[in-house]
Amino acid sequence: MVTEDRLLNVAEAAAMLKTTKDHLYRHWAEYLFAFKWTPRQLRFSLKGIQDYIARKLEEQHHAGPPIPAREHLVD
């Protein structure tokens, strides 16, 4: 993990988050680590993205493996 923070542009953030730039432009306000640098520029905190990814991985770890769907049983 990085101890110092730096700002990422949309392309860099999309690559780290494995999503599209379009998704980030449409949903940037949903991420606490995203903000408008200027009225036409978005920036993302590198440390914020790393923390977000770590939380998501931790949530997946605690959720356990997915439960397979049960087939419909007929008596």
N, C-alpha and C. Protein backbone atom coordinates (compact mmCIF):
# COMPACT_ATOMS: atom_id res chain seq x y z
N MET A 1 0.83 -1.19 0.00
CA MET A 1 0.00 0.00 0.00
C MET A 1 0.88 1.26 0.00
N VAL A 2 0.33 2.29 -0.55
CA VAL A 2 1.02 3.57 -0.63
C VAL A 2 0.72 4.38 0.62
N THR A 3 1.76 5.02 1.21
CA THR A 3 1.51 5.85 2.37
C THR A 3 1.19 7.28 1.97
N GLU A 4 1.77 7.73 0.84
CA GLU A 4 1.45 9.07 0.35
C GLU A 4 0.36 8.95 -0.71
N ASP A 5 -0.46 9.97 -0.78
CA ASP A 5 -1.56 9.96 -1.73
C ASP A 5 -1.17 10.77 -2.96
N ARG A 6 -1.78 10.44 -4.07
CA ARG A 6 -1.65 11.27 -5.27
C ARG A 6 -2.97 11.18 -6.01
N LEU A 7 -3.19 12.13 -6.89
CA LEU A 7 -4.44 12.19 -7.64
C LEU A 7 -4.30 11.47 -8.97
N LEU A 8 -5.33 10.69 -9.29
CA LEU A 8 -5.37 9.97 -10.55
C LEU A 8 -6.41 10.59 -11.46
N ASN A 9 -6.18 10.50 -12.77
CA ASN A 9 -7.20 10.94 -13.72
C ASN A 9 -8.19 9.80 -13.93
N VAL A 10 -9.17 10.02 -14.77
CA VAL A 10 -10.24 9.04 -14.97
C VAL A 10 -9.68 7.74 -15.57
N ALA A 11 -8.79 7.84 -16.54
CA ALA A 11 -8.25 6.64 -17.18
C ALA A 11 -7.48 5.79 -16.17
N GLU A 12 -6.66 6.43 -15.34
CA GLU A 12 -5.89 5.69 -14.34
C GLU A 12 -6.81 5.03 -13.30
N ALA A 13 -7.81 5.76 -12.85
CA ALA A 13 -8.75 5.23 -11.87
C ALA A 13 -9.55 4.07 -12.46
N ALA A 14 -10.00 4.20 -13.68
CA ALA A 14 -10.77 3.14 -14.33
C ALA A 14 -9.94 1.87 -14.45
N ALA A 15 -8.68 2.00 -14.78
CA ALA A 15 -7.80 0.83 -14.89
C ALA A 15 -7.66 0.13 -13.53
N MET A 16 -7.46 0.90 -12.48
CA MET A 16 -7.31 0.31 -11.14
C MET A 16 -8.59 -0.37 -10.68
N LEU A 17 -9.73 0.25 -10.99
CA LEU A 17 -11.03 -0.27 -10.53
C LEU A 17 -11.62 -1.30 -11.48
N LYS A 18 -10.93 -1.56 -12.60
CA LYS A 18 -11.40 -2.52 -13.60
C LYS A 18 -12.82 -2.17 -14.06
N THR A 19 -12.99 -0.93 -14.42
CA THR A 19 -14.27 -0.44 -14.94
C THR A 19 -13.98 0.49 -16.11
N THR A 20 -15.01 1.10 -16.64
CA THR A 20 -14.82 1.99 -17.79
C THR A 20 -14.75 3.45 -17.33
N LYS A 21 -14.15 4.25 -18.18
CA LYS A 21 -14.15 5.69 -17.91
C LYS A 21 -15.57 6.22 -17.90
N ASP A 22 -16.40 5.73 -18.80
CA ASP A 22 -17.79 6.16 -18.88
C ASP A 22 -18.51 5.91 -17.55
N HIS A 23 -18.29 4.73 -16.96
CA HIS A 23 -18.91 4.41 -15.67
C HIS A 23 -18.49 5.42 -14.61
N LEU A 24 -17.20 5.75 -14.57
CA LEU A 24 -16.73 6.70 -13.56
C LEU A 24 -17.30 8.10 -13.79
N TYR A 25 -17.40 8.51 -15.05
CA TYR A 25 -18.01 9.82 -15.32
C TYR A 25 -19.47 9.86 -14.87
N ARG A 26 -20.19 8.75 -15.04
CA ARG A 26 -21.60 8.73 -14.66
C ARG A 26 -21.83 8.53 -13.16
N HIS A 27 -20.90 7.87 -12.47
CA HIS A 27 -21.13 7.49 -11.07
C HIS A 27 -20.09 8.04 -10.10
N TRP A 28 -19.31 9.02 -10.51
CA TRP A 28 -18.22 9.49 -9.68
C TRP A 28 -18.68 9.94 -8.29
N ALA A 29 -19.86 10.52 -8.18
CA ALA A 29 -20.33 11.05 -6.89
C ALA A 29 -20.61 9.94 -5.88
N GLU A 30 -20.71 8.69 -6.33
CA GLU A 30 -20.96 7.56 -5.44
C GLU A 30 -19.69 7.10 -4.72
N TYR A 31 -18.54 7.58 -5.17
CA TYR A 31 -17.26 7.17 -4.60
C TYR A 31 -16.71 8.30 -3.71
N LEU A 32 -16.40 7.96 -2.47
CA LEU A 32 -15.89 8.96 -1.53
C LEU A 32 -14.51 9.48 -1.91
N PHE A 33 -13.79 8.75 -2.74
CA PHE A 33 -12.43 9.12 -3.12
C PHE A 33 -12.39 9.91 -4.44
N ALA A 34 -13.55 10.31 -4.96
CA ALA A 34 -13.62 11.04 -6.23
C ALA A 34 -14.12 12.46 -5.99
N PHE A 35 -13.60 13.39 -6.76
CA PHE A 35 -14.07 14.77 -6.64
C PHE A 35 -13.80 15.52 -7.94
N LYS A 36 -14.50 16.62 -8.10
CA LYS A 36 -14.29 17.49 -9.26
C LYS A 36 -13.07 18.36 -9.00
N TRP A 37 -12.07 18.23 -9.83
CA TRP A 37 -10.87 19.06 -9.72
C TRP A 37 -11.18 20.46 -10.26
N THR A 38 -11.84 20.48 -11.40
CA THR A 38 -12.40 21.71 -11.97
C THR A 38 -13.79 21.31 -12.46
N PRO A 39 -14.61 22.24 -12.91
CA PRO A 39 -15.95 21.85 -13.37
C PRO A 39 -15.96 20.77 -14.45
N ARG A 40 -14.84 20.62 -15.18
CA ARG A 40 -14.81 19.63 -16.26
C ARG A 40 -13.79 18.51 -16.04
N GLN A 41 -13.19 18.45 -14.86
CA GLN A 41 -12.17 17.43 -14.61
C GLN A 41 -12.45 16.69 -13.31
N LEU A 42 -12.41 15.36 -13.40
CA LEU A 42 -12.53 14.51 -12.21
C LEU A 42 -11.15 14.05 -11.79
N ARG A 43 -10.97 13.88 -10.50
CA ARG A 43 -9.75 13.31 -9.96
C ARG A 43 -10.13 12.29 -8.89
N PHE A 44 -9.24 11.33 -8.70
CA PHE A 44 -9.49 10.24 -7.77
C PHE A 44 -8.26 10.05 -6.88
N SER A 45 -8.49 9.82 -5.61
CA SER A 45 -7.41 9.60 -4.66
C SER A 45 -6.89 8.18 -4.81
N LEU A 46 -5.57 8.04 -5.04
CA LEU A 46 -4.96 6.73 -5.15
C LEU A 46 -5.16 5.95 -3.85
N LYS A 47 -4.89 6.58 -2.73
CA LYS A 47 -5.06 5.91 -1.43
C LYS A 47 -6.52 5.53 -1.22
N GLY A 48 -7.44 6.41 -1.61
CA GLY A 48 -8.86 6.11 -1.48
C GLY A 48 -9.26 4.88 -2.29
N ILE A 49 -8.73 4.77 -3.51
CA ILE A 49 -9.03 3.61 -4.35
C ILE A 49 -8.45 2.35 -3.73
N GLN A 50 -7.22 2.43 -3.23
CA GLN A 50 -6.60 1.27 -2.61
C GLN A 50 -7.40 0.81 -1.38
N ASP A 51 -7.84 1.75 -0.57
CA ASP A 51 -8.66 1.41 0.60
C ASP A 51 -9.99 0.79 0.17
N TYR A 52 -10.60 1.34 -0.88
CA TYR A 52 -11.87 0.82 -1.40
C TYR A 52 -11.70 -0.63 -1.87
N ILE A 53 -10.64 -0.90 -2.62
CA ILE A 53 -10.39 -2.25 -3.11
C ILE A 53 -10.15 -3.20 -1.94
N ALA A 54 -9.37 -2.77 -0.96
CA ALA A 54 -9.11 -3.61 0.21
C ALA A 54 -10.40 -3.94 0.96
N ARG A 55 -11.29 -2.95 1.11
CA ARG A 55 -12.58 -3.20 1.78
C ARG A 55 -13.43 -4.19 0.99
N LYS A 56 -13.47 -4.02 -0.33
CA LYS A 56 -14.26 -4.93 -1.16
C LYS A 56 -13.72 -6.36 -1.07
N LEU A 57 -12.40 -6.52 -1.09
CA LEU A 57 -11.81 -7.85 -0.96
C LEU A 57 -12.12 -8.46 0.40
N GLU A 58 -12.07 -7.64 1.43
CA GLU A 58 -12.39 -8.11 2.79
C GLU A 58 -13.86 -8.54 2.87
N GLU A 59 -14.76 -7.78 2.26
CA GLU A 59 -16.18 -8.13 2.25
C GLU A 59 -16.39 -9.46 1.54
N GLN A 60 -15.70 -9.67 0.43
CA GLN A 60 -15.83 -10.93 -0.30
C GLN A 60 -15.30 -12.09 0.52
N HIS A 61 -14.21 -11.85 1.23
CA HIS A 61 -13.61 -12.89 2.06
C HIS A 61 -14.57 -13.32 3.17
N HIS A 62 -15.21 -12.35 3.82
CA HIS A 62 -16.14 -12.65 4.91
C HIS A 62 -17.46 -13.21 4.42
N ALA A 63 -17.82 -12.93 3.20
CA ALA A 63 -19.08 -13.42 2.67
C ALA A 63 -19.02 -14.92 2.38
N GLY A 64 -17.83 -15.46 2.20
CA GLY A 64 -17.69 -16.88 1.90
C GLY A 64 -17.97 -17.16 0.44
N PRO A 65 -17.89 -18.43 0.08
CA PRO A 65 -18.12 -18.78 -1.32
C PRO A 65 -19.59 -18.62 -1.69
N PRO A 66 -19.87 -18.39 -2.97
CA PRO A 66 -21.27 -18.26 -3.38
C PRO A 66 -22.02 -19.57 -3.17
N ILE A 67 -23.28 -19.46 -2.82
CA ILE A 67 -24.12 -20.64 -2.60
C ILE A 67 -24.71 -21.05 -3.94
N PRO A 68 -24.51 -22.32 -4.34
CA PRO A 68 -25.07 -22.73 -5.63
C PRO A 68 -26.59 -22.76 -5.59
N ALA A 69 -27.19 -22.49 -6.74
CA ALA A 69 -28.65 -22.50 -6.82
C ALA A 69 -29.17 -23.92 -6.66
N ARG A 70 -30.26 -24.06 -5.96
CA ARG A 70 -30.88 -25.38 -5.78
C ARG A 70 -31.82 -25.63 -6.95
N GLU A 71 -31.81 -26.83 -7.41
CA GLU A 71 -32.74 -27.19 -8.46
C GLU A 71 -34.11 -27.39 -7.80
N HIS A 72 -35.15 -27.11 -8.56
CA HIS A 72 -36.51 -27.23 -8.04
C HIS A 72 -36.79 -28.70 -7.74
N LEU A 73 -37.17 -28.98 -6.50
CA LEU A 73 -37.49 -30.34 -6.10
C LEU A 73 -38.98 -30.57 -6.16
N VAL A 74 -39.38 -31.65 -6.76
CA VAL A 74 -40.79 -32.00 -6.87
C VAL A 74 -41.02 -33.25 -6.02
N ASP A 75 -42.02 -33.19 -5.14
CA ASP A 75 -42.32 -34.36 -4.31
C ASP A 75 -43.13 -35.37 -5.07
